[in-house]
Amino acid sequence: MDLLGYDEMRIEDEILEIIQKYDELKQNGEYLEARDLILNARCKYPQDFRIMHKYIFELVGGYADNSLDLLIQNEVEINKICNIILEGCKDERIRLDIITLKAKLQYAKGMKEEAINLLKTLPTFYHSSNQRLEQLYSKTSSNYFNQLSLNTFELSEFLGNKLARLIFYNNHLQVKKN
């Protein structure tokens, strides 16, 4: 019995090490190495939801700006992995990413209304965990002020990112070069 527990701990440590290395490679711009690492990890640990999560987004080219053709080309694999994750994974962040990916696939297949309706099942900003944490505390407590501060910083960062994208991707707002 002790050996079985040891093996489970060793495997968990290996998976965490792979995920950490994968994230580091991505942050350092070593995309091919990161891709190879997660593809090998998918073969070695095919039932781990965290590995599946990283793998599926490698398969479709990342979290954003996915090629519609690439989504459709990988439809069977996407559906298979998405269904496995949604049936068994308890990690809500992974589940939300997978629901978003399913909606992207529907959109790519021309099922725009279904994609929109699926995404409408996700929580809004006001239903986020951090917003709900803020509501736990008395408004005169330091816990409330600390959570309110964290939420304000998070929303400010989010808003700054959205404003930068609005300017960068909007042809009407970009400065014209002569």
N, C-alpha and C. Protein backbone atom coordinates (compact mmCIF):
# COMPACT_ATOMS: atom_id res chain seq x y z
N MET A 1 0.81 -1.19 0.00
CA MET A 1 0.00 0.00 0.00
C MET A 1 0.86 1.27 0.00
N ASP A 2 1.91 1.27 0.83
CA ASP A 2 2.77 2.45 0.87
C ASP A 2 3.42 2.71 -0.48
N LEU A 3 3.76 1.65 -1.19
CA LEU A 3 4.38 1.79 -2.50
C LEU A 3 3.42 2.45 -3.48
N LEU A 4 2.14 2.06 -3.43
CA LEU A 4 1.14 2.65 -4.32
C LEU A 4 1.01 4.15 -4.05
N GLY A 5 0.96 4.53 -2.79
CA GLY A 5 0.89 5.94 -2.43
C GLY A 5 2.12 6.69 -2.90
N TYR A 6 3.28 6.06 -2.79
CA TYR A 6 4.53 6.65 -3.25
C TYR A 6 4.48 6.88 -4.76
N ASP A 7 4.00 5.88 -5.50
CA ASP A 7 3.90 6.00 -6.95
C ASP A 7 2.97 7.14 -7.35
N GLU A 8 1.86 7.28 -6.66
CA GLU A 8 0.91 8.36 -6.95
C GLU A 8 1.56 9.72 -6.68
N MET A 9 2.29 9.82 -5.59
CA MET A 9 2.98 11.08 -5.26
C MET A 9 4.07 11.38 -6.28
N ARG A 10 4.81 10.37 -6.71
CA ARG A 10 5.87 10.55 -7.70
C ARG A 10 5.27 11.03 -9.03
N ILE A 11 4.17 10.39 -9.43
CA ILE A 11 3.51 10.78 -10.68
C ILE A 11 2.99 12.21 -10.58
N GLU A 12 2.37 12.57 -9.46
CA GLU A 12 1.88 13.93 -9.26
C GLU A 12 3.02 14.93 -9.34
N ASP A 13 4.15 14.62 -8.72
CA ASP A 13 5.31 15.50 -8.78
C ASP A 13 5.82 15.65 -10.22
N GLU A 14 5.84 14.56 -10.97
CA GLU A 14 6.28 14.60 -12.37
C GLU A 14 5.35 15.49 -13.20
N ILE A 15 4.06 15.33 -12.99
CA ILE A 15 3.09 16.13 -13.75
C ILE A 15 3.24 17.60 -13.41
N LEU A 16 3.36 17.93 -12.14
CA LEU A 16 3.54 19.33 -11.74
C LEU A 16 4.83 19.91 -12.32
N GLU A 17 5.88 19.10 -12.37
CA GLU A 17 7.15 19.54 -12.95
C GLU A 17 6.99 19.80 -14.46
N ILE A 18 6.28 18.94 -15.14
CA ILE A 18 6.04 19.11 -16.58
C ILE A 18 5.25 20.40 -16.83
N ILE A 19 4.20 20.61 -16.05
CA ILE A 19 3.37 21.81 -16.23
C ILE A 19 4.19 23.07 -15.96
N GLN A 20 5.01 23.05 -14.92
CA GLN A 20 5.84 24.21 -14.61
C GLN A 20 6.84 24.46 -15.75
N LYS A 21 7.47 23.42 -16.24
CA LYS A 21 8.43 23.55 -17.34
C LYS A 21 7.73 24.06 -18.61
N TYR A 22 6.55 23.52 -18.88
CA TYR A 22 5.76 23.94 -20.05
C TYR A 22 5.47 25.44 -19.97
N ASP A 23 4.99 25.89 -18.81
CA ASP A 23 4.67 27.31 -18.64
C ASP A 23 5.91 28.18 -18.78
N GLU A 24 7.02 27.73 -18.25
CA GLU A 24 8.28 28.48 -18.38
C GLU A 24 8.71 28.58 -19.84
N LEU A 25 8.64 27.47 -20.55
CA LEU A 25 9.02 27.48 -21.97
C LEU A 25 8.14 28.45 -22.76
N LYS A 26 6.84 28.43 -22.49
CA LYS A 26 5.93 29.34 -23.19
C LYS A 26 6.26 30.80 -22.87
N GLN A 27 6.52 31.08 -21.59
CA GLN A 27 6.84 32.45 -21.19
C GLN A 27 8.14 32.93 -21.83
N ASN A 28 9.06 32.01 -22.07
CA ASN A 28 10.35 32.36 -22.67
C ASN A 28 10.31 32.33 -24.20
N GLY A 29 9.14 32.11 -24.77
CA GLY A 29 9.02 32.10 -26.22
C GLY A 29 9.53 30.85 -26.89
N GLU A 30 9.75 29.80 -26.13
CA GLU A 30 10.24 28.53 -26.67
C GLU A 30 9.03 27.62 -26.97
N TYR A 31 8.27 28.04 -27.96
CA TYR A 31 6.97 27.42 -28.25
C TYR A 31 7.07 25.99 -28.76
N LEU A 32 8.04 25.72 -29.61
CA LEU A 32 8.18 24.36 -30.14
C LEU A 32 8.58 23.38 -29.05
N GLU A 33 9.48 23.82 -28.18
CA GLU A 33 9.90 22.96 -27.07
C GLU A 33 8.73 22.70 -26.12
N ALA A 34 7.93 23.75 -25.86
CA ALA A 34 6.76 23.60 -24.99
C ALA A 34 5.77 22.63 -25.62
N ARG A 35 5.56 22.78 -26.92
CA ARG A 35 4.62 21.90 -27.62
C ARG A 35 5.09 20.44 -27.54
N ASP A 36 6.36 20.22 -27.82
CA ASP A 36 6.90 18.85 -27.74
C ASP A 36 6.75 18.27 -26.34
N LEU A 37 7.03 19.08 -25.34
CA LEU A 37 6.92 18.63 -23.96
C LEU A 37 5.50 18.18 -23.63
N ILE A 38 4.51 18.98 -24.02
CA ILE A 38 3.13 18.65 -23.66
C ILE A 38 2.60 17.50 -24.51
N LEU A 39 3.06 17.36 -25.76
CA LEU A 39 2.65 16.22 -26.58
C LEU A 39 3.17 14.92 -25.98
N ASN A 40 4.41 14.93 -25.52
CA ASN A 40 4.98 13.75 -24.86
C ASN A 40 4.26 13.46 -23.54
N ALA A 41 3.95 14.51 -22.80
CA ALA A 41 3.24 14.34 -21.53
C ALA A 41 1.85 13.75 -21.76
N ARG A 42 1.21 14.14 -22.83
CA ARG A 42 -0.12 13.61 -23.16
C ARG A 42 -0.04 12.10 -23.40
N CYS A 43 1.03 11.65 -24.03
CA CYS A 43 1.22 10.20 -24.25
C CYS A 43 1.52 9.48 -22.93
N LYS A 44 2.31 10.11 -22.08
CA LYS A 44 2.71 9.47 -20.83
C LYS A 44 1.61 9.50 -19.77
N TYR A 45 0.84 10.59 -19.73
CA TYR A 45 -0.22 10.76 -18.72
C TYR A 45 -1.54 11.10 -19.42
N PRO A 46 -2.11 10.16 -20.16
CA PRO A 46 -3.28 10.46 -20.99
C PRO A 46 -4.56 10.78 -20.21
N GLN A 47 -4.61 10.46 -18.94
CA GLN A 47 -5.82 10.68 -18.16
C GLN A 47 -5.76 11.92 -17.26
N ASP A 48 -4.66 12.64 -17.29
CA ASP A 48 -4.53 13.80 -16.41
C ASP A 48 -5.21 15.01 -17.07
N PHE A 49 -6.16 15.59 -16.37
CA PHE A 49 -6.94 16.70 -16.91
C PHE A 49 -6.09 17.93 -17.18
N ARG A 50 -5.09 18.20 -16.34
CA ARG A 50 -4.24 19.37 -16.54
C ARG A 50 -3.41 19.23 -17.81
N ILE A 51 -2.90 18.02 -18.05
CA ILE A 51 -2.13 17.75 -19.27
C ILE A 51 -3.06 17.84 -20.48
N MET A 52 -4.25 17.26 -20.37
CA MET A 52 -5.23 17.34 -21.47
C MET A 52 -5.53 18.79 -21.81
N HIS A 53 -5.69 19.60 -20.78
CA HIS A 53 -6.02 21.02 -20.95
C HIS A 53 -4.92 21.73 -21.74
N LYS A 54 -3.68 21.54 -21.33
CA LYS A 54 -2.56 22.17 -22.04
C LYS A 54 -2.46 21.62 -23.47
N TYR A 55 -2.63 20.32 -23.60
CA TYR A 55 -2.53 19.66 -24.90
C TYR A 55 -3.57 20.18 -25.88
N ILE A 56 -4.81 20.27 -25.45
CA ILE A 56 -5.90 20.64 -26.37
C ILE A 56 -5.68 22.06 -26.91
N PHE A 57 -5.13 22.95 -26.08
CA PHE A 57 -4.88 24.30 -26.57
C PHE A 57 -3.63 24.38 -27.45
N GLU A 58 -2.72 23.45 -27.28
CA GLU A 58 -1.61 23.33 -28.24
C GLU A 58 -2.16 22.85 -29.58
N LEU A 59 -3.09 21.93 -29.53
CA LEU A 59 -3.68 21.35 -30.73
C LEU A 59 -4.39 22.40 -31.58
N VAL A 60 -5.01 23.38 -30.93
CA VAL A 60 -5.80 24.38 -31.66
C VAL A 60 -5.09 25.72 -31.82
N GLY A 61 -3.83 25.79 -31.40
CA GLY A 61 -3.06 27.00 -31.63
C GLY A 61 -3.18 28.06 -30.55
N GLY A 62 -3.54 27.69 -29.35
CA GLY A 62 -3.59 28.64 -28.24
C GLY A 62 -5.00 28.96 -27.79
N TYR A 63 -5.09 29.97 -26.93
CA TYR A 63 -6.38 30.33 -26.32
C TYR A 63 -7.17 31.33 -27.15
N ALA A 64 -6.51 32.04 -28.05
CA ALA A 64 -7.19 33.10 -28.79
C ALA A 64 -6.80 33.04 -30.27
N ASP A 65 -7.60 33.70 -31.07
CA ASP A 65 -7.35 33.78 -32.51
C ASP A 65 -7.14 32.42 -33.15
N ASN A 66 -7.95 31.46 -32.76
CA ASN A 66 -7.83 30.12 -33.33
C ASN A 66 -8.30 30.11 -34.78
N SER A 67 -7.57 29.40 -35.60
CA SER A 67 -7.95 29.21 -36.99
C SER A 67 -9.21 28.36 -37.04
N LEU A 68 -10.22 28.83 -37.75
CA LEU A 68 -11.46 28.07 -37.88
C LEU A 68 -11.19 26.74 -38.56
N ASP A 69 -10.32 26.74 -39.55
CA ASP A 69 -9.97 25.50 -40.24
C ASP A 69 -9.29 24.50 -39.29
N LEU A 70 -8.41 25.00 -38.44
CA LEU A 70 -7.72 24.14 -37.48
C LEU A 70 -8.70 23.55 -36.46
N LEU A 71 -9.65 24.34 -36.03
CA LEU A 71 -10.68 23.84 -35.12
C LEU A 71 -11.48 22.71 -35.78
N ILE A 72 -11.94 22.96 -36.99
CA ILE A 72 -12.74 21.95 -37.69
C ILE A 72 -11.90 20.70 -38.00
N GLN A 73 -10.66 20.91 -38.39
CA GLN A 73 -9.75 19.79 -38.70
C GLN A 73 -9.57 18.87 -37.49
N ASN A 74 -9.58 19.43 -36.29
CA ASN A 74 -9.36 18.66 -35.07
C ASN A 74 -10.64 18.42 -34.27
N GLU A 75 -11.77 18.52 -34.93
CA GLU A 75 -13.07 18.42 -34.27
C GLU A 75 -13.23 17.15 -33.43
N VAL A 76 -12.86 16.01 -33.97
CA VAL A 76 -13.06 14.75 -33.26
C VAL A 76 -12.24 14.72 -31.97
N GLU A 77 -10.96 15.10 -32.08
CA GLU A 77 -10.08 15.11 -30.91
C GLU A 77 -10.54 16.15 -29.90
N ILE A 78 -10.94 17.32 -30.37
CA ILE A 78 -11.43 18.37 -29.47
C ILE A 78 -12.65 17.88 -28.70
N ASN A 79 -13.63 17.35 -29.40
CA ASN A 79 -14.84 16.86 -28.74
C ASN A 79 -14.54 15.75 -27.75
N LYS A 80 -13.66 14.84 -28.13
CA LYS A 80 -13.31 13.72 -27.26
C LYS A 80 -12.71 14.23 -25.94
N ILE A 81 -11.72 15.10 -26.04
CA ILE A 81 -11.04 15.60 -24.85
C ILE A 81 -11.96 16.53 -24.05
N CYS A 82 -12.70 17.37 -24.73
CA CYS A 82 -13.63 18.26 -24.02
C CYS A 82 -14.64 17.46 -23.22
N ASN A 83 -15.19 16.42 -23.81
CA ASN A 83 -16.18 15.60 -23.10
C ASN A 83 -15.57 14.90 -21.90
N ILE A 84 -14.35 14.37 -22.05
CA ILE A 84 -13.68 13.71 -20.92
C ILE A 84 -13.49 14.71 -19.77
N ILE A 85 -13.01 15.90 -20.11
CA ILE A 85 -12.77 16.91 -19.08
C ILE A 85 -14.07 17.34 -18.42
N LEU A 86 -15.08 17.62 -19.21
CA LEU A 86 -16.34 18.09 -18.63
C LEU A 86 -17.04 17.02 -17.80
N GLU A 87 -16.81 15.75 -18.13
CA GLU A 87 -17.43 14.67 -17.36
C GLU A 87 -16.70 14.39 -16.05
N GLY A 88 -15.39 14.66 -15.98
CA GLY A 88 -14.66 14.23 -14.79
C GLY A 88 -13.86 15.28 -14.05
N CYS A 89 -13.51 16.36 -14.69
CA CYS A 89 -12.63 17.35 -14.07
C CYS A 89 -13.42 18.26 -13.12
N LYS A 90 -12.86 18.50 -11.96
CA LYS A 90 -13.50 19.36 -10.97
C LYS A 90 -12.90 20.78 -10.96
N ASP A 91 -11.79 20.97 -11.65
CA ASP A 91 -11.14 22.28 -11.69
C ASP A 91 -11.96 23.22 -12.56
N GLU A 92 -12.58 24.20 -11.94
CA GLU A 92 -13.52 25.09 -12.64
C GLU A 92 -12.84 25.93 -13.71
N ARG A 93 -11.60 26.32 -13.51
CA ARG A 93 -10.91 27.12 -14.52
C ARG A 93 -10.68 26.30 -15.79
N ILE A 94 -10.30 25.05 -15.61
CA ILE A 94 -10.12 24.17 -16.77
C ILE A 94 -11.47 23.97 -17.46
N ARG A 95 -12.50 23.73 -16.68
CA ARG A 95 -13.83 23.51 -17.24
C ARG A 95 -14.32 24.73 -18.04
N LEU A 96 -14.08 25.93 -17.52
CA LEU A 96 -14.50 27.15 -18.23
C LEU A 96 -13.76 27.31 -19.55
N ASP A 97 -12.45 27.01 -19.54
CA ASP A 97 -11.68 27.06 -20.79
C ASP A 97 -12.23 26.06 -21.81
N ILE A 98 -12.61 24.89 -21.34
CA ILE A 98 -13.10 23.84 -22.23
C ILE A 98 -14.47 24.21 -22.80
N ILE A 99 -15.31 24.80 -21.99
CA ILE A 99 -16.61 25.27 -22.49
C ILE A 99 -16.40 26.32 -23.57
N THR A 100 -15.44 27.21 -23.33
CA THR A 100 -15.12 28.24 -24.33
C THR A 100 -14.62 27.59 -25.62
N LEU A 101 -13.77 26.58 -25.50
CA LEU A 101 -13.27 25.89 -26.69
C LEU A 101 -14.40 25.20 -27.45
N LYS A 102 -15.32 24.59 -26.73
CA LYS A 102 -16.47 23.96 -27.39
C LYS A 102 -17.28 25.00 -28.17
N ALA A 103 -17.44 26.18 -27.56
CA ALA A 103 -18.17 27.25 -28.24
C ALA A 103 -17.42 27.71 -29.49
N LYS A 104 -16.10 27.78 -29.41
CA LYS A 104 -15.30 28.16 -30.58
C LYS A 104 -15.47 27.15 -31.71
N LEU A 105 -15.50 25.88 -31.35
CA LEU A 105 -15.70 24.83 -32.36
C LEU A 105 -17.08 24.97 -32.99
N GLN A 106 -18.09 25.19 -32.18
CA GLN A 106 -19.44 25.38 -32.73
C GLN A 106 -19.46 26.58 -33.67
N TYR A 107 -18.83 27.66 -33.27
CA TYR A 107 -18.78 28.86 -34.09
C TYR A 107 -18.09 28.57 -35.42
N ALA A 108 -16.99 27.84 -35.36
CA ALA A 108 -16.23 27.49 -36.58
C ALA A 108 -17.08 26.67 -37.53
N LYS A 109 -17.96 25.85 -36.98
CA LYS A 109 -18.82 24.99 -37.80
C LYS A 109 -20.08 25.72 -38.28
N GLY A 110 -20.18 27.03 -38.00
CA GLY A 110 -21.33 27.81 -38.44
C GLY A 110 -22.50 27.78 -37.48
N MET A 111 -22.30 27.19 -36.32
CA MET A 111 -23.36 27.10 -35.31
C MET A 111 -23.23 28.29 -34.35
N LYS A 112 -23.39 29.50 -34.92
CA LYS A 112 -23.12 30.71 -34.17
C LYS A 112 -24.05 30.90 -32.98
N GLU A 113 -25.32 30.65 -33.16
CA GLU A 113 -26.30 30.82 -32.08
C GLU A 113 -26.01 29.85 -30.93
N GLU A 114 -25.68 28.61 -31.26
CA GLU A 114 -25.35 27.62 -30.23
C GLU A 114 -24.11 28.03 -29.45
N ALA A 115 -23.11 28.56 -30.17
CA ALA A 115 -21.88 29.00 -29.53
C ALA A 115 -22.16 30.14 -28.55
N ILE A 116 -22.94 31.10 -28.99
CA ILE A 116 -23.29 32.24 -28.15
C ILE A 116 -24.07 31.78 -26.92
N ASN A 117 -25.03 30.91 -27.13
CA ASN A 117 -25.83 30.41 -26.01
C ASN A 117 -24.99 29.62 -25.01
N LEU A 118 -24.02 28.85 -25.50
CA LEU A 118 -23.15 28.10 -24.61
C LEU A 118 -22.31 29.06 -23.75
N LEU A 119 -21.79 30.09 -24.36
CA LEU A 119 -20.98 31.05 -23.60
C LEU A 119 -21.82 31.85 -22.62
N LYS A 120 -23.08 32.02 -22.91
CA LYS A 120 -23.96 32.74 -21.98
C LYS A 120 -24.23 31.94 -20.71
N THR A 121 -23.86 30.66 -20.69
CA THR A 121 -24.01 29.87 -19.47
C THR A 121 -22.88 30.13 -18.48
N LEU A 122 -21.82 30.79 -18.93
CA LEU A 122 -20.68 31.08 -18.05
C LEU A 122 -21.02 32.25 -17.12
N PRO A 123 -20.34 32.32 -15.97
CA PRO A 123 -20.60 33.41 -15.03
C PRO A 123 -20.20 34.76 -15.62
N THR A 124 -20.88 35.80 -15.17
CA THR A 124 -20.52 37.17 -15.54
C THR A 124 -19.48 37.68 -14.55
N PHE A 125 -18.98 38.87 -14.80
CA PHE A 125 -18.00 39.47 -13.90
C PHE A 125 -18.53 39.53 -12.46
N TYR A 126 -19.79 39.85 -12.33
CA TYR A 126 -20.36 40.03 -11.00
C TYR A 126 -20.53 38.72 -10.24
N HIS A 127 -20.38 37.62 -10.92
CA HIS A 127 -20.51 36.32 -10.27
C HIS A 127 -19.17 35.62 -10.11
N SER A 128 -18.09 36.37 -10.24
CA SER A 128 -16.76 35.77 -10.08
C SER A 128 -16.50 35.45 -8.61
N SER A 129 -15.56 34.54 -8.39
CA SER A 129 -15.25 34.14 -7.01
C SER A 129 -14.72 35.32 -6.20
N ASN A 130 -13.89 36.15 -6.78
CA ASN A 130 -13.35 37.28 -6.03
C ASN A 130 -14.43 38.29 -5.66
N GLN A 131 -15.36 38.50 -6.55
CA GLN A 131 -16.49 39.40 -6.25
C GLN A 131 -17.30 38.82 -5.10
N ARG A 132 -17.51 37.51 -5.11
CA ARG A 132 -18.28 36.86 -4.05
C ARG A 132 -17.52 36.87 -2.72
N LEU A 133 -16.19 36.76 -2.77
CA LEU A 133 -15.39 36.84 -1.54
C LEU A 133 -15.57 38.20 -0.88
N GLU A 134 -15.58 39.23 -1.69
CA GLU A 134 -15.78 40.59 -1.18
C GLU A 134 -17.09 40.69 -0.40
N GLN A 135 -18.10 39.99 -0.88
CA GLN A 135 -19.43 40.06 -0.25
C GLN A 135 -19.51 39.29 1.06
N LEU A 136 -18.50 38.48 1.37
CA LEU A 136 -18.50 37.73 2.63
C LEU A 136 -18.28 38.62 3.85
N TYR A 137 -17.53 39.68 3.64
CA TYR A 137 -17.02 40.45 4.76
C TYR A 137 -17.85 41.69 5.05
N SER A 138 -17.83 42.09 6.31
CA SER A 138 -18.44 43.35 6.72
C SER A 138 -17.69 44.49 6.05
N LYS A 139 -18.42 45.50 5.62
CA LYS A 139 -17.80 46.60 4.89
C LYS A 139 -16.86 47.43 5.77
N THR A 140 -16.87 47.20 7.05
CA THR A 140 -15.96 47.93 7.94
C THR A 140 -14.73 47.10 8.31
N SER A 141 -14.62 45.88 7.78
CA SER A 141 -13.51 44.99 8.15
C SER A 141 -12.31 45.17 7.23
N SER A 142 -11.14 44.80 7.74
CA SER A 142 -9.93 44.86 6.92
C SER A 142 -9.99 43.81 5.80
N ASN A 143 -10.64 42.67 6.07
CA ASN A 143 -10.80 41.64 5.03
C ASN A 143 -11.56 42.20 3.83
N TYR A 144 -12.60 42.96 4.11
CA TYR A 144 -13.38 43.57 3.02
C TYR A 144 -12.51 44.53 2.22
N PHE A 145 -11.80 45.40 2.92
CA PHE A 145 -10.96 46.38 2.23
C PHE A 145 -9.88 45.69 1.41
N ASN A 146 -9.26 44.65 1.96
CA ASN A 146 -8.22 43.92 1.22
C ASN A 146 -8.78 43.26 -0.04
N GLN A 147 -9.94 42.62 0.08
CA GLN A 147 -10.55 41.96 -1.09
C GLN A 147 -11.00 43.00 -2.11
N LEU A 148 -11.58 44.10 -1.62
CA LEU A 148 -12.00 45.18 -2.51
C LEU A 148 -10.79 45.73 -3.27
N SER A 149 -9.67 45.89 -2.59
CA SER A 149 -8.44 46.37 -3.24
C SER A 149 -7.97 45.38 -4.31
N LEU A 150 -7.93 44.09 -3.96
CA LEU A 150 -7.53 43.07 -4.93
C LEU A 150 -8.46 43.08 -6.15
N ASN A 151 -9.75 43.18 -5.91
CA ASN A 151 -10.71 43.19 -7.02
C ASN A 151 -10.52 44.43 -7.89
N THR A 152 -10.25 45.56 -7.26
CA THR A 152 -10.04 46.80 -8.01
C THR A 152 -8.79 46.69 -8.88
N PHE A 153 -7.72 46.16 -8.32
CA PHE A 153 -6.49 45.99 -9.10
C PHE A 153 -6.70 45.02 -10.25
N GLU A 154 -7.39 43.92 -9.98
CA GLU A 154 -7.64 42.92 -11.03
C GLU A 154 -8.49 43.52 -12.16
N LEU A 155 -9.53 44.25 -11.79
CA LEU A 155 -10.37 44.87 -12.81
C LEU A 155 -9.62 45.96 -13.57
N SER A 156 -8.76 46.69 -12.88
CA SER A 156 -7.96 47.73 -13.55
C SER A 156 -7.02 47.12 -14.58
N GLU A 157 -6.37 46.03 -14.20
CA GLU A 157 -5.49 45.33 -15.12
C GLU A 157 -6.28 44.80 -16.32
N PHE A 158 -7.44 44.23 -16.04
CA PHE A 158 -8.30 43.70 -17.10
C PHE A 158 -8.75 44.82 -18.04
N LEU A 159 -9.19 45.94 -17.46
CA LEU A 159 -9.64 47.08 -18.26
C LEU A 159 -8.49 47.64 -19.10
N GLY A 160 -7.32 47.77 -18.51
CA GLY A 160 -6.16 48.25 -19.25
C GLY A 160 -5.84 47.37 -20.44
N ASN A 161 -5.90 46.06 -20.24
CA ASN A 161 -5.67 45.10 -21.32
C ASN A 161 -6.70 45.27 -22.43
N LYS A 162 -7.96 45.41 -22.05
CA LYS A 162 -9.04 45.56 -23.04
C LYS A 162 -8.91 46.88 -23.80
N LEU A 163 -8.56 47.95 -23.11
CA LEU A 163 -8.39 49.24 -23.79
C LEU A 163 -7.23 49.19 -24.78
N ALA A 164 -6.14 48.55 -24.38
CA ALA A 164 -4.99 48.42 -25.29
C ALA A 164 -5.38 47.63 -26.53
N ARG A 165 -6.13 46.56 -26.35
CA ARG A 165 -6.58 45.77 -27.49
C ARG A 165 -7.55 46.56 -28.37
N LEU A 166 -8.41 47.33 -27.74
CA LEU A 166 -9.37 48.15 -28.50
C LEU A 166 -8.63 49.11 -29.42
N ILE A 167 -7.60 49.71 -28.90
CA ILE A 167 -6.82 50.66 -29.69
C ILE A 167 -5.99 49.93 -30.74
N PHE A 168 -5.31 48.88 -30.34
CA PHE A 168 -4.41 48.16 -31.25
C PHE A 168 -5.15 47.53 -32.42
N TYR A 169 -6.29 46.94 -32.17
CA TYR A 169 -7.00 46.20 -33.22
C TYR A 169 -8.06 47.01 -33.96
N ASN A 170 -8.28 48.25 -33.55
CA ASN A 170 -9.29 49.08 -34.21
C ASN A 170 -8.59 49.97 -35.24
N ASN A 171 -8.83 49.70 -36.49
CA ASN A 171 -8.17 50.44 -37.58
C ASN A 171 -8.52 51.92 -37.54
N HIS A 172 -9.69 52.29 -37.04
CA HIS A 172 -10.09 53.69 -36.99
C HIS A 172 -9.34 54.47 -35.92
N LEU A 173 -8.81 53.79 -34.92
CA LEU A 173 -8.11 54.46 -33.83
C LEU A 173 -6.60 54.47 -34.01
N GLN A 174 -6.09 53.68 -34.93
CA GLN A 174 -4.65 53.59 -35.12
C GLN A 174 -4.13 54.83 -35.86
N VAL A 175 -2.92 55.22 -35.51
CA VAL A 175 -2.28 56.35 -36.16
C VAL A 175 -1.84 55.93 -37.55
N LYS A 176 -2.20 56.72 -38.53
CA LYS A 176 -1.82 56.42 -39.91
C LYS A 176 -0.40 56.89 -40.16
N LYS A 177 0.41 56.01 -40.81
CA LYS A 177 1.79 56.35 -41.16
C LYS A 177 1.81 56.93 -42.57
N ASN A 178 2.59 57.99 -42.76
CA ASN A 178 2.69 58.62 -44.08
C ASN A 178 3.77 58.02 -44.91
